[in-house]
Amino acid sequence: MLSAVVTVTLYIVAVRLLKVGTPAASAVATARQATAAMADGTLGAHDRGRVVRRAARRLLGLSFDIVLRAAFAAVVPAATLYLFDALGLVSAAVATAFLLRPEVIAMSAAATVGAVLLWR
């Protein structure tokens, strides 16, 4: 179904343009730094706690950033699909039913991950 391909493609492009991977990579790096600080025997308990608290605040902020960017990335194809429905080009209900099939979700996820990895 062409509308499903367009919807998934728009999502992939939106993920790329909104740079959803940037805060996600920062979150991984922050978590690694906190883990390293916890394992560092040269730091005292107070210093380890300070590093971990700082990392926790940073991770909380990054999680909101990731969620907001991902939500905006999901709004772009959804809005386009409903615009096409309003114009009478496709049925949003039929396209949504197709997109919610498990095999389509799996293929879309694989395509999204593949595209993000190729764009790195």
PDB file of N, CA and C in Angstrom:
ATOM      1  N   MET A   1       0.845  -1.169   0.000  1.00  0.00           N
ATOM      2  CA  MET A   1       0.000   0.000   0.000  1.00  0.00           C
ATOM      3  C   MET A   1       0.897   1.241   0.000  1.00  0.00           C
ATOM      4  N   LEU A   2       0.687   2.085  -0.966  1.00  0.00           N
ATOM      5  CA  LEU A   2       1.522   3.267  -1.161  1.00  0.00           C
ATOM      6  C   LEU A   2       1.449   4.232   0.013  1.00  0.00           C
ATOM      7  N   SER A   3       0.263   4.395   0.583  1.00  0.00           N
ATOM      8  CA  SER A   3       0.140   5.336   1.709  1.00  0.00           C
ATOM      9  C   SER A   3       0.959   4.861   2.908  1.00  0.00           C
ATOM     10  N   ALA A   4       1.073   3.568   3.106  1.00  0.00           N
ATOM     11  CA  ALA A   4       1.885   3.039   4.208  1.00  0.00           C
ATOM     12  C   ALA A   4       3.364   3.312   3.962  1.00  0.00           C
ATOM     13  N   VAL A   5       3.795   3.130   2.723  1.00  0.00           N
ATOM     14  CA  VAL A   5       5.197   3.404   2.382  1.00  0.00           C
ATOM     15  C   VAL A   5       5.501   4.886   2.575  1.00  0.00           C
ATOM     16  N   VAL A   6       4.596   5.742   2.144  1.00  0.00           N
ATOM     17  CA  VAL A   6       4.787   7.189   2.314  1.00  0.00           C
ATOM     18  C   VAL A   6       4.826   7.545   3.801  1.00  0.00           C
ATOM     19  N   THR A   7       3.935   6.952   4.586  1.00  0.00           N
ATOM     20  CA  THR A   7       3.881   7.236   6.018  1.00  0.00           C
ATOM     21  C   THR A   7       5.169   6.817   6.717  1.00  0.00           C
ATOM     22  N   VAL A   8       5.649   5.614   6.433  1.00  0.00           N
ATOM     23  CA  VAL A   8       6.888   5.128   7.050  1.00  0.00           C
ATOM     24  C   VAL A   8       8.072   5.965   6.587  1.00  0.00           C
ATOM     25  N   THR A   9       8.102   6.314   5.317  1.00  0.00           N
ATOM     26  CA  THR A   9       9.187   7.144   4.788  1.00  0.00           C
ATOM     27  C   THR A   9       9.189   8.517   5.452  1.00  0.00           C
ATOM     28  N   LEU A  10       8.033   9.113   5.611  1.00  0.00           N
ATOM     29  CA  LEU A  10       7.953  10.413   6.282  1.00  0.00           C
ATOM     30  C   LEU A  10       8.425  10.309   7.727  1.00  0.00           C
ATOM     31  N   TYR A  11       8.100   9.208   8.387  1.00  0.00           N
ATOM     32  CA  TYR A  11       8.561   9.022   9.767  1.00  0.00           C
ATOM     33  C   TYR A  11      10.085   8.928   9.809  1.00  0.00           C
ATOM     34  N   ILE A  12      10.661   8.159   8.906  1.00  0.00           N
ATOM     35  CA  ILE A  12      12.120   8.006   8.869  1.00  0.00           C
ATOM     36  C   ILE A  12      12.787   9.357   8.616  1.00  0.00           C
ATOM     37  N   VAL A  13      12.255  10.110   7.685  1.00  0.00           N
ATOM     38  CA  VAL A  13      12.819  11.432   7.382  1.00  0.00           C
ATOM     39  C   VAL A  13      12.658  12.366   8.587  1.00  0.00           C
ATOM     40  N   ALA A  14      11.514  12.319   9.233  1.00  0.00           N
ATOM     41  CA  ALA A  14      11.294  13.174  10.411  1.00  0.00           C
ATOM     42  C   ALA A  14      12.248  12.809  11.543  1.00  0.00           C
ATOM     43  N   VAL A  15      12.466  11.509  11.751  1.00  0.00           N
ATOM     44  CA  VAL A  15      13.427  11.072  12.778  1.00  0.00           C
ATOM     45  C   VAL A  15      14.803  11.628  12.469  1.00  0.00           C
ATOM     46  N   ARG A  16      15.165  11.589  11.207  1.00  0.00           N
ATOM     47  CA  ARG A  16      16.479  12.094  10.801  1.00  0.00           C
ATOM     48  C   ARG A  16      16.566  13.606  10.954  1.00  0.00           C
ATOM     49  N   LEU A  17      15.571  14.328  10.478  1.00  0.00           N
ATOM     50  CA  LEU A  17      15.604  15.790  10.538  1.00  0.00           C
ATOM     51  C   LEU A  17      15.526  16.314  11.972  1.00  0.00           C
ATOM     52  N   LEU A  18      14.785  15.613  12.816  1.00  0.00           N
ATOM     53  CA  LEU A  18      14.658  16.032  14.213  1.00  0.00           C
ATOM     54  C   LEU A  18      15.812  15.513  15.074  1.00  0.00           C
ATOM     55  N   LYS A  19      16.696  14.739  14.464  1.00  0.00           N
ATOM     56  CA  LYS A  19      17.905  14.230  15.134  1.00  0.00           C
ATOM     57  C   LYS A  19      17.573  13.537  16.458  1.00  0.00           C
ATOM     58  N   VAL A  20      16.663  12.581  16.390  1.00  0.00           N
ATOM     59  CA  VAL A  20      16.265  11.836  17.576  1.00  0.00           C
ATOM     60  C   VAL A  20      17.451  11.055  18.143  1.00  0.00           C
ATOM     61  N   GLY A  21      18.348  10.622  17.287  1.00  0.00           N
ATOM     62  CA  GLY A  21      19.495   9.842  17.733  1.00  0.00           C
ATOM     63  C   GLY A  21      20.511  10.627  18.544  1.00  0.00           C
ATOM     64  N   THR A  22      20.550  11.936  18.374  1.00  0.00           N
ATOM     65  CA  THR A  22      21.542  12.751  19.090  1.00  0.00           C
ATOM     66  C   THR A  22      21.348  12.701  20.607  1.00  0.00           C
ATOM     67  N   PRO A  23      20.155  12.993  21.132  1.00  0.00           N
ATOM     68  CA  PRO A  23      20.003  12.879  22.584  1.00  0.00           C
ATOM     69  C   PRO A  23      20.078  11.429  23.063  1.00  0.00           C
ATOM     70  N   ALA A  24      19.713  10.492  22.210  1.00  0.00           N
ATOM     71  CA  ALA A  24      19.815   9.084  22.603  1.00  0.00           C
ATOM     72  C   ALA A  24      21.274   8.687  22.785  1.00  0.00           C
ATOM     73  N   ALA A  25      22.133   9.130  21.889  1.00  0.00           N
ATOM     74  CA  ALA A  25      23.567   8.848  22.027  1.00  0.00           C
ATOM     75  C   ALA A  25      24.137   9.534  23.261  1.00  0.00           C
ATOM     76  N   SER A  26      23.673  10.741  23.531  1.00  0.00           N
ATOM     77  CA  SER A  26      24.115  11.452  24.742  1.00  0.00           C
ATOM     78  C   SER A  26      23.669  10.716  26.001  1.00  0.00           C
ATOM     79  N   ALA A  27      22.487  10.142  25.969  1.00  0.00           N
ATOM     80  CA  ALA A  27      21.983   9.397  27.125  1.00  0.00           C
ATOM     81  C   ALA A  27      22.846   8.162  27.392  1.00  0.00           C
ATOM     82  N   VAL A  28      23.223   7.478  26.336  1.00  0.00           N
ATOM     83  CA  VAL A  28      24.084   6.297  26.491  1.00  0.00           C
ATOM     84  C   VAL A  28      25.437   6.710  27.065  1.00  0.00           C
ATOM     85  N   ALA A  29      26.004   7.784  26.540  1.00  0.00           N
ATOM     86  CA  ALA A  29      27.301   8.260  27.036  1.00  0.00           C
ATOM     87  C   ALA A  29      27.208   8.691  28.500  1.00  0.00           C
ATOM     88  N   THR A  30      26.136   9.362  28.870  1.00  0.00           N
ATOM     89  CA  THR A  30      25.944   9.802  30.251  1.00  0.00           C
ATOM     90  C   THR A  30      25.810   8.598  31.182  1.00  0.00           C
ATOM     91  N   ALA A  31      25.057   7.604  30.764  1.00  0.00           N
ATOM     92  CA  ALA A  31      24.891   6.397  31.584  1.00  0.00           C
ATOM     93  C   ALA A  31      26.219   5.670  31.755  1.00  0.00           C
ATOM     94  N   ARG A  32      27.008   5.621  30.697  1.00  0.00           N
ATOM     95  CA  ARG A  32      28.327   4.979  30.790  1.00  0.00           C
ATOM     96  C   ARG A  32      29.239   5.729  31.755  1.00  0.00           C
ATOM     97  N   GLN A  33      29.208   7.051  31.716  1.00  0.00           N
ATOM     98  CA  GLN A  33      30.031   7.848  32.623  1.00  0.00           C
ATOM     99  C   GLN A  33      29.614   7.626  34.078  1.00  0.00           C
ATOM    100  N   ALA A  34      28.318   7.557  34.321  1.00  0.00           N
ATOM    101  CA  ALA A  34      27.836   7.320  35.683  1.00  0.00           C
ATOM    102  C   ALA A  34      28.235   5.929  36.162  1.00  0.00           C
ATOM    103  N   THR A  35      28.144   4.959  35.274  1.00  0.00           N
ATOM    104  CA  THR A  35      28.540   3.603  35.632  1.00  0.00           C
ATOM    105  C   THR A  35      30.031   3.534  35.931  1.00  0.00           C
ATOM    106  N   ALA A  36      30.819   4.216  35.131  1.00  0.00           N
ATOM    107  CA  ALA A  36      32.264   4.246  35.369  1.00  0.00           C
ATOM    108  C   ALA A  36      32.583   4.914  36.700  1.00  0.00           C
ATOM    109  N   ALA A  37      31.871   5.976  37.027  1.00  0.00           N
ATOM    110  CA  ALA A  37      32.093   6.669  38.298  1.00  0.00           C
ATOM    111  C   ALA A  37      31.732   5.763  39.472  1.00  0.00           C
ATOM    112  N   MET A  38      30.666   4.990  39.325  1.00  0.00           N
ATOM    113  CA  MET A  38      30.265   4.074  40.398  1.00  0.00           C
ATOM    114  C   MET A  38      31.325   3.004  40.637  1.00  0.00           C
ATOM    115  N   ALA A  39      32.009   2.595  39.571  1.00  0.00           N
ATOM    116  CA  ALA A  39      33.020   1.544  39.697  1.00  0.00           C
ATOM    117  C   ALA A  39      34.396   2.098  40.062  1.00  0.00           C
ATOM    118  N   ASP A  40      34.554   3.414  40.028  1.00  0.00           N
ATOM    119  CA  ASP A  40      35.855   4.041  40.292  1.00  0.00           C
ATOM    120  C   ASP A  40      36.161   4.005  41.787  1.00  0.00           C
ATOM    121  N   GLY A  41      37.145   3.202  42.150  1.00  0.00           N
ATOM    122  CA  GLY A  41      37.524   3.067  43.553  1.00  0.00           C
ATOM    123  C   GLY A  41      38.264   4.257  44.108  1.00  0.00           C
ATOM    124  N   THR A  42      38.751   5.139  43.235  1.00  0.00           N
ATOM    125  CA  THR A  42      39.495   6.310  43.704  1.00  0.00           C
ATOM    126  C   THR A  42      38.570   7.429  44.180  1.00  0.00           C
ATOM    127  N   LEU A  43      37.302   7.361  43.793  1.00  0.00           N
ATOM    128  CA  LEU A  43      36.342   8.385  44.218  1.00  0.00           C
ATOM    129  C   LEU A  43      35.720   7.992  45.553  1.00  0.00           C
ATOM    130  N   GLY A  44      35.505   8.966  46.374  1.00  0.00           N
ATOM    131  CA  GLY A  44      34.815   8.730  47.631  1.00  0.00           C
ATOM    132  C   GLY A  44      33.323   8.608  47.389  1.00  0.00           C
ATOM    133  N   ALA A  45      32.599   8.177  48.397  1.00  0.00           N
ATOM    134  CA  ALA A  45      31.155   7.981  48.282  1.00  0.00           C
ATOM    135  C   ALA A  45      30.443   9.290  47.928  1.00  0.00           C
ATOM    136  N   HIS A  46      30.908  10.390  48.532  1.00  0.00           N
ATOM    137  CA  HIS A  46      30.291  11.688  48.249  1.00  0.00           C
ATOM    138  C   HIS A  46      30.481  12.073  46.781  1.00  0.00           C
ATOM    139  N   ASP A  47      31.686  11.902  46.259  1.00  0.00           N
ATOM    140  CA  ASP A  47      31.968  12.258  44.862  1.00  0.00           C
ATOM    141  C   ASP A  47      31.207  11.358  43.898  1.00  0.00           C
ATOM    142  N   ARG A  48      31.145  10.061  44.219  1.00  0.00           N
ATOM    143  CA  ARG A  48      30.373   9.152  43.354  1.00  0.00           C
ATOM    144  C   ARG A  48      28.905   9.555  43.344  1.00  0.00           C
ATOM    145  N   GLY A  49      28.386   9.874  44.514  1.00  0.00           N
ATOM    146  CA  GLY A  49      26.983  10.286  44.593  1.00  0.00           C
ATOM    147  C   GLY A  49      26.715  11.555  43.801  1.00  0.00           C
ATOM    148  N   ARG A  50      27.651  12.494  43.860  1.00  0.00           N
ATOM    149  CA  ARG A  50      27.498  13.748  43.119  1.00  0.00           C
ATOM    150  C   ARG A  50      27.477  13.480  41.607  1.00  0.00           C
ATOM    151  N   VAL A  51      28.389  12.626  41.143  1.00  0.00           N
ATOM    152  CA  VAL A  51      28.440  12.294  39.715  1.00  0.00           C
ATOM    153  C   VAL A  51      27.154  11.602  39.285  1.00  0.00           C
ATOM    154  N   VAL A  52      26.688  10.684  40.082  1.00  0.00           N
ATOM    155  CA  VAL A  52      25.476   9.935  39.734  1.00  0.00           C
ATOM    156  C   VAL A  52      24.249  10.843  39.756  1.00  0.00           C
ATOM    157  N   ARG A  53      24.147  11.736  40.722  1.00  0.00           N
ATOM    158  CA  ARG A  53      23.014  12.673  40.749  1.00  0.00           C
ATOM    159  C   ARG A  53      23.019  13.586  39.531  1.00  0.00           C
ATOM    160  N   ARG A  54      24.200  14.068  39.169  1.00  0.00           N
ATOM    161  CA  ARG A  54      24.320  14.913  37.976  1.00  0.00           C
ATOM    162  C   ARG A  54      23.891  14.126  36.727  1.00  0.00           C
ATOM    163  N   ALA A  55      24.337  12.885  36.653  1.00  0.00           N
ATOM    164  CA  ALA A  55      23.965  12.040  35.512  1.00  0.00           C
ATOM    165  C   ALA A  55      22.459  11.777  35.497  1.00  0.00           C
ATOM    166  N   ALA A  56      21.874  11.575  36.660  1.00  0.00           N
ATOM    167  CA  ALA A  56      20.428  11.323  36.729  1.00  0.00           C
ATOM    168  C   ALA A  56      19.639  12.529  36.228  1.00  0.00           C
ATOM    169  N   ARG A  57      20.054  13.725  36.634  1.00  0.00           N
ATOM    170  CA  ARG A  57      19.377  14.937  36.136  1.00  0.00           C
ATOM    171  C   ARG A  57      19.526  15.055  34.624  1.00  0.00           C
ATOM    172  N   ARG A  58      20.725  14.789  34.147  1.00  0.00           N
ATOM    173  CA  ARG A  58      20.976  14.873  32.702  1.00  0.00           C
ATOM    174  C   ARG A  58      20.130  13.831  31.951  1.00  0.00           C
ATOM    175  N   LEU A  59      20.074  12.617  32.476  1.00  0.00           N
ATOM    176  CA  LEU A  59      19.294  11.566  31.823  1.00  0.00           C
ATOM    177  C   LEU A  59      17.809  11.894  31.819  1.00  0.00           C
ATOM    178  N   LEU A  60      17.319  12.507  32.882  1.00  0.00           N
ATOM    179  CA  LEU A  60      15.915  12.902  32.923  1.00  0.00           C
ATOM    180  C   LEU A  60      15.618  13.935  31.829  1.00  0.00           C
ATOM    181  N   GLY A  61      16.490  14.931  31.716  1.00  0.00           N
ATOM    182  CA  GLY A  61      16.316  15.928  30.660  1.00  0.00           C
ATOM    183  C   GLY A  61      16.407  15.313  29.270  1.00  0.00           C
ATOM    184  N   LEU A  62      17.351  14.409  29.083  1.00  0.00           N
ATOM    185  CA  LEU A  62      17.504  13.753  27.779  1.00  0.00           C
ATOM    186  C   LEU A  62      16.294  12.885  27.454  1.00  0.00           C
ATOM    187  N   SER A  63      15.711  12.246  28.466  1.00  0.00           N
ATOM    188  CA  SER A  63      14.543  11.410  28.201  1.00  0.00           C
ATOM    189  C   SER A  63      13.369  12.258  27.696  1.00  0.00           C
ATOM    190  N   PHE A  64      13.180  13.436  28.294  1.00  0.00           N
ATOM    191  CA  PHE A  64      12.129  14.330  27.797  1.00  0.00           C
ATOM    192  C   PHE A  64      12.434  14.780  26.367  1.00  0.00           C
ATOM    193  N   ASP A  65      13.688  15.073  26.095  1.00  0.00           N
ATOM    194  CA  ASP A  65      14.102  15.485  24.754  1.00  0.00           C
ATOM    195  C   ASP A  65      13.813  14.387  23.736  1.00  0.00           C
ATOM    196  N   ILE A  66      14.171  13.160  24.076  1.00  0.00           N
ATOM    197  CA  ILE A  66      13.940  12.031  23.168  1.00  0.00           C
ATOM    198  C   ILE A  66      12.441  11.836  22.923  1.00  0.00           C
ATOM    199  N   VAL A  67      11.658  11.867  23.986  1.00  0.00           N
ATOM    200  CA  VAL A  67      10.215  11.650  23.852  1.00  0.00           C
ATOM    201  C   VAL A  67       9.578  12.745  23.003  1.00  0.00           C
ATOM    202  N   LEU A  68       9.944  13.990  23.234  1.00  0.00           N
ATOM    203  CA  LEU A  68       9.370  15.088  22.446  1.00  0.00           C
ATOM    204  C   LEU A  68       9.755  14.990  20.974  1.00  0.00           C
ATOM    205  N   ARG A  69      11.021  14.709  20.712  1.00  0.00           N
ATOM    206  CA  ARG A  69      11.445  14.585  19.310  1.00  0.00           C
ATOM    207  C   ARG A  69      10.751  13.414  18.625  1.00  0.00           C
ATOM    208  N   ALA A  70      10.650  12.285  19.324  1.00  0.00           N
ATOM    209  CA  ALA A  70       9.977  11.115  18.738  1.00  0.00           C
ATOM    210  C   ALA A  70       8.492  11.390  18.516  1.00  0.00           C
ATOM    211  N   ALA A  71       7.870  12.110  19.438  1.00  0.00           N
ATOM    212  CA  ALA A  71       6.453  12.444  19.274  1.00  0.00           C
ATOM    213  C   ALA A  71       6.240  13.348  18.064  1.00  0.00           C
ATOM    214  N   PHE A  72       7.102  14.355  17.912  1.00  0.00           N
ATOM    215  CA  PHE A  72       6.988  15.214  16.731  1.00  0.00           C
ATOM    216  C   PHE A  72       7.243  14.421  15.453  1.00  0.00           C
ATOM    217  N   ALA A  73       8.177  13.480  15.516  1.00  0.00           N
ATOM    218  CA  ALA A  73       8.457  12.647  14.336  1.00  0.00           C
ATOM    219  C   ALA A  73       7.248  11.791  13.985  1.00  0.00           C
ATOM    220  N   ALA A  74       6.465  11.383  14.974  1.00  0.00           N
ATOM    221  CA  ALA A  74       5.269  10.582  14.710  1.00  0.00           C
ATOM    222  C   ALA A  74       4.104  11.438  14.214  1.00  0.00           C
ATOM    223  N   VAL A  75       4.080  12.703  14.611  1.00  0.00           N
ATOM    224  CA  VAL A  75       2.987  13.590  14.200  1.00  0.00           C
ATOM    225  C   VAL A  75       3.057  13.899  12.699  1.00  0.00           C
ATOM    226  N   VAL A  76       4.262  14.024  12.170  1.00  0.00           N
ATOM    227  CA  VAL A  76       4.419  14.389  10.746  1.00  0.00           C
ATOM    228  C   VAL A  76       3.709  13.394   9.821  1.00  0.00           C
ATOM    229  N   PRO A  77       4.009  12.095   9.892  1.00  0.00           N
ATOM    230  CA  PRO A  77       3.306  11.178   8.986  1.00  0.00           C
ATOM    231  C   PRO A  77       1.822  11.034   9.319  1.00  0.00           C
ATOM    232  N   ALA A  78       1.466  11.121  10.606  1.00  0.00           N
ATOM    233  CA  ALA A  78       0.047  11.009  10.964  1.00  0.00           C
ATOM    234  C   ALA A  78      -0.749  12.173  10.384  1.00  0.00           C
ATOM    235  N   ALA A  79      -0.206  13.370  10.509  1.00  0.00           N
ATOM    236  CA  ALA A  79      -0.884  14.543   9.955  1.00  0.00           C
ATOM    237  C   ALA A  79      -1.003  14.446   8.434  1.00  0.00           C
ATOM    238  N   THR A  80       0.059  13.957   7.813  1.00  0.00           N
ATOM    239  CA  THR A  80       0.029  13.796   6.353  1.00  0.00           C
ATOM    240  C   THR A  80      -1.022  12.775   5.947  1.00  0.00           C
ATOM    241  N   LEU A  81      -1.092  11.679   6.676  1.00  0.00           N
ATOM    242  CA  LEU A  81      -2.085  10.644   6.368  1.00  0.00           C
ATOM    243  C   LEU A  81      -3.504  11.197   6.496  1.00  0.00           C
ATOM    244  N   TYR A  82      -3.771  11.949   7.559  1.00  0.00           N
ATOM    245  CA  TYR A  82      -5.113  12.510   7.725  1.00  0.00           C
ATOM    246  C   TYR A  82      -5.409  13.627   6.720  1.00  0.00           C
ATOM    247  N   LEU A  83      -4.372  14.325   6.286  1.00  0.00           N
ATOM    248  CA  LEU A  83      -4.556  15.307   5.214  1.00  0.00           C
ATOM    249  C   LEU A  83      -4.943  14.607   3.919  1.00  0.00           C
ATOM    250  N   PHE A  84      -4.236  13.519   3.603  1.00  0.00           N
ATOM    251  CA  PHE A  84      -4.575  12.745   2.398  1.00  0.00           C
ATOM    252  C   PHE A  84      -5.997  12.181   2.498  1.00  0.00           C
ATOM    253  N   ASP A  85      -6.401  11.792   3.709  1.00  0.00           N
ATOM    254  CA  ASP A  85      -7.755  11.287   3.919  1.00  0.00           C
ATOM    255  C   ASP A  85      -8.770  12.395   3.688  1.00  0.00           C
ATOM    256  N   ALA A  86      -8.483  13.585   4.202  1.00  0.00           N
ATOM    257  CA  ALA A  86      -9.397  14.717   4.017  1.00  0.00           C
ATOM    258  C   ALA A  86      -9.522  15.106   2.548  1.00  0.00           C
ATOM    259  N   LEU A  87      -8.436  14.930   1.801  1.00  0.00           N
ATOM    260  CA  LEU A  87      -8.455  15.235   0.376  1.00  0.00           C
ATOM    261  C   LEU A  87      -9.078  14.122  -0.451  1.00  0.00           C
ATOM    262  N   GLY A  88      -9.384  12.999   0.204  1.00  0.00           N
ATOM    263  CA  GLY A  88     -10.003  11.881  -0.489  1.00  0.00           C
ATOM    264  C   GLY A  88      -9.020  11.009  -1.266  1.00  0.00           C
ATOM    265  N   LEU A  89      -7.736  11.146  -0.984  1.00  0.00           N
ATOM    266  CA  LEU A  89      -6.734  10.365  -1.703  1.00  0.00           C
ATOM    267  C   LEU A  89      -6.578   8.955  -1.151  1.00  0.00           C
ATOM    268  N   VAL A  90      -6.665   8.812   0.160  1.00  0.00           N
ATOM    269  CA  VAL A  90      -6.572   7.499   0.803  1.00  0.00           C
ATOM    270  C   VAL A  90      -7.529   7.468   1.986  1.00  0.00           C
ATOM    271  N   SER A  91      -7.810   6.273   2.452  1.00  0.00           N
ATOM    272  CA  SER A  91      -8.609   6.121   3.661  1.00  0.00           C
ATOM    273  C   SER A  91      -7.654   5.968   4.837  1.00  0.00           C
ATOM    274  N   ALA A  92      -7.723   6.897   5.780  1.00  0.00           N
ATOM    275  CA  ALA A  92      -6.841   6.832   6.948  1.00  0.00           C
ATOM    276  C   ALA A  92      -7.121   5.574   7.760  1.00  0.00           C
ATOM    277  N   ALA A  93      -8.366   5.150   7.826  1.00  0.00           N
ATOM    278  CA  ALA A  93      -8.715   3.957   8.599  1.00  0.00           C
ATOM    279  C   ALA A  93      -8.080   2.706   7.993  1.00  0.00           C
ATOM    280  N   VAL A  94      -8.143   2.589   6.679  1.00  0.00           N
ATOM    281  CA  VAL A  94      -7.555   1.421   6.002  1.00  0.00           C
ATOM    282  C   VAL A  94      -6.034   1.446   6.136  1.00  0.00           C
ATOM    283  N   ALA A  95      -5.433   2.602   5.920  1.00  0.00           N
ATOM    284  CA  ALA A  95      -3.978   2.713   6.026  1.00  0.00           C
ATOM    285  C   ALA A  95      -3.509   2.444   7.453  1.00  0.00           C
ATOM    286  N   THR A  96      -4.237   2.956   8.439  1.00  0.00           N
ATOM    287  CA  THR A  96      -3.866   2.725   9.834  1.00  0.00           C
ATOM    288  C   THR A  96      -4.007   1.252  10.194  1.00  0.00           C
ATOM    289  N   ALA A  97      -5.071   0.611   9.741  1.00  0.00           N
ATOM    290  CA  ALA A  97      -5.249  -0.823   9.999  1.00  0.00           C
ATOM    291  C   ALA A  97      -4.098  -1.622   9.399  1.00  0.00           C
ATOM    292  N   PHE A  98      -3.676  -1.243   8.209  1.00  0.00           N
ATOM    293  CA  PHE A  98      -2.545  -1.921   7.569  1.00  0.00           C
ATOM    294  C   PHE A  98      -1.261  -1.682   8.356  1.00  0.00           C
ATOM    295  N   LEU A  99      -1.021  -0.434   8.757  1.00  0.00           N
ATOM    296  CA  LEU A  99       0.208  -0.093   9.486  1.00  0.00           C
ATOM    297  C   LEU A  99       0.282  -0.748  10.860  1.00  0.00           C
ATOM    298  N   LEU A 100      -0.848  -1.125  11.432  1.00  0.00           N
ATOM    299  CA  LEU A 100      -0.861  -1.740  12.757  1.00  0.00           C
ATOM    300  C   LEU A 100      -0.735  -3.263  12.726  1.00  0.00           C
ATOM    301  N   ARG A 101      -0.601  -3.827  11.545  1.00  0.00           N
ATOM    302  CA  ARG A 101      -0.384  -5.276  11.458  1.00  0.00           C
ATOM    303  C   ARG A 101       1.023  -5.595  11.959  1.00  0.00           C
ATOM    304  N   PRO A 102       1.185  -6.660  12.735  1.00  0.00           N
ATOM    305  CA  PRO A 102       2.490  -6.977  13.338  1.00  0.00           C
ATOM    306  C   PRO A 102       3.640  -7.082  12.343  1.00  0.00           C
ATOM    307  N   GLU A 103       3.410  -7.702  11.207  1.00  0.00           N
ATOM    308  CA  GLU A 103       4.496  -7.838  10.222  1.00  0.00           C
ATOM    309  C   GLU A 103       4.878  -6.494   9.608  1.00  0.00           C
ATOM    310  N   VAL A 104       3.915  -5.603   9.466  1.00  0.00           N
ATOM    311  CA  VAL A 104       4.199  -4.269   8.934  1.00  0.00           C
ATOM    312  C   VAL A 104       4.966  -3.454   9.977  1.00  0.00           C
ATOM    313  N   ILE A 105       4.589  -3.596  11.237  1.00  0.00           N
ATOM    314  CA  ILE A 105       5.317  -2.910  12.312  1.00  0.00           C
ATOM    315  C   ILE A 105       6.759  -3.387  12.346  1.00  0.00           C
ATOM    316  N   ALA A 106       6.965  -4.697  12.232  1.00  0.00           N
ATOM    317  CA  ALA A 106       8.328  -5.249  12.253  1.00  0.00           C
ATOM    318  C   ALA A 106       9.144  -4.750  11.063  1.00  0.00           C
ATOM    319  N   MET A 107       8.547  -4.761   9.880  1.00  0.00           N
ATOM    320  CA  MET A 107       9.263  -4.286   8.690  1.00  0.00           C
ATOM    321  C   MET A 107       9.547  -2.785   8.783  1.00  0.00           C
ATOM    322  N   SER A 108       8.600  -2.016   9.300  1.00  0.00           N
ATOM    323  CA  SER A 108       8.798  -0.578   9.442  1.00  0.00           C
ATOM    324  C   SER A 108       9.902  -0.276  10.451  1.00  0.00           C
ATOM    325  N   ALA A 109       9.915  -1.021  11.546  1.00  0.00           N
ATOM    326  CA  ALA A 109      10.965  -0.830  12.555  1.00  0.00           C
ATOM    327  C   ALA A 109      12.329  -1.167  11.968  1.00  0.00           C
ATOM    328  N   ALA A 110      12.404  -2.256  11.226  1.00  0.00           N
ATOM    329  CA  ALA A 110      13.668  -2.637  10.601  1.00  0.00           C
ATOM    330  C   ALA A 110      14.110  -1.590   9.580  1.00  0.00           C
ATOM    331  N   ALA A 111      13.175  -1.067   8.811  1.00  0.00           N
ATOM    332  CA  ALA A 111      13.508  -0.030   7.834  1.00  0.00           C
ATOM    333  C   ALA A 111      13.976   1.244   8.523  1.00  0.00           C
ATOM    334  N   THR A 112      13.335   1.601   9.629  1.00  0.00           N
ATOM    335  CA  THR A 112      13.728   2.802  10.366  1.00  0.00           C
ATOM    336  C   THR A 112      15.122   2.649  10.947  1.00  0.00           C
ATOM    337  N   VAL A 113      15.379   1.528  11.591  1.00  0.00           N
ATOM    338  CA  VAL A 113      16.708   1.290  12.174  1.00  0.00           C
ATOM    339  C   VAL A 113      17.764   1.254  11.078  1.00  0.00           C
ATOM    340  N   GLY A 114      17.462   0.577   9.991  1.00  0.00           N
ATOM    341  CA  GLY A 114      18.409   0.511   8.866  1.00  0.00           C
ATOM    342  C   GLY A 114      18.716   1.886   8.306  1.00  0.00           C
ATOM    343  N   ALA A 115      17.687   2.688   8.125  1.00  0.00           N
ATOM    344  CA  ALA A 115      17.892   4.034   7.574  1.00  0.00           C
ATOM    345  C   ALA A 115      18.700   4.901   8.523  1.00  0.00           C
ATOM    346  N   VAL A 116      18.400   4.808   9.809  1.00  0.00           N
ATOM    347  CA  VAL A 116      19.149   5.606  10.789  1.00  0.00           C
ATOM    348  C   VAL A 116      20.610   5.177  10.805  1.00  0.00           C
ATOM    349  N   LEU A 117      20.867   3.889  10.743  1.00  0.00           N
ATOM    350  CA  LEU A 117      22.248   3.397  10.739  1.00  0.00           C
ATOM    351  C   LEU A 117      22.983   3.800   9.459  1.00  0.00           C
ATOM    352  N   LEU A 118      22.302   3.813   8.347  1.00  0.00           N
ATOM    353  CA  LEU A 118      22.926   4.219   7.080  1.00  0.00           C
ATOM    354  C   LEU A 118      23.247   5.696   7.071  1.00  0.00           C
ATOM    355  N   TRP A 119      22.456   6.500   7.770  1.00  0.00           N
ATOM    356  CA  TRP A 119      22.663   7.942   7.783  1.00  0.00           C
ATOM    357  C   TRP A 119      23.715   8.392   8.772  1.00  0.00           C
ATOM    358  N   ARG A 120      24.254   7.490   9.543  1.00  0.00           N
ATOM    359  CA  ARG A 120      25.268   7.854  10.557  1.00  0.00           C
ATOM    360  C   ARG A 120      26.528   8.319   9.938  1.00  0.00           C
TER     361      ARG A 120
END
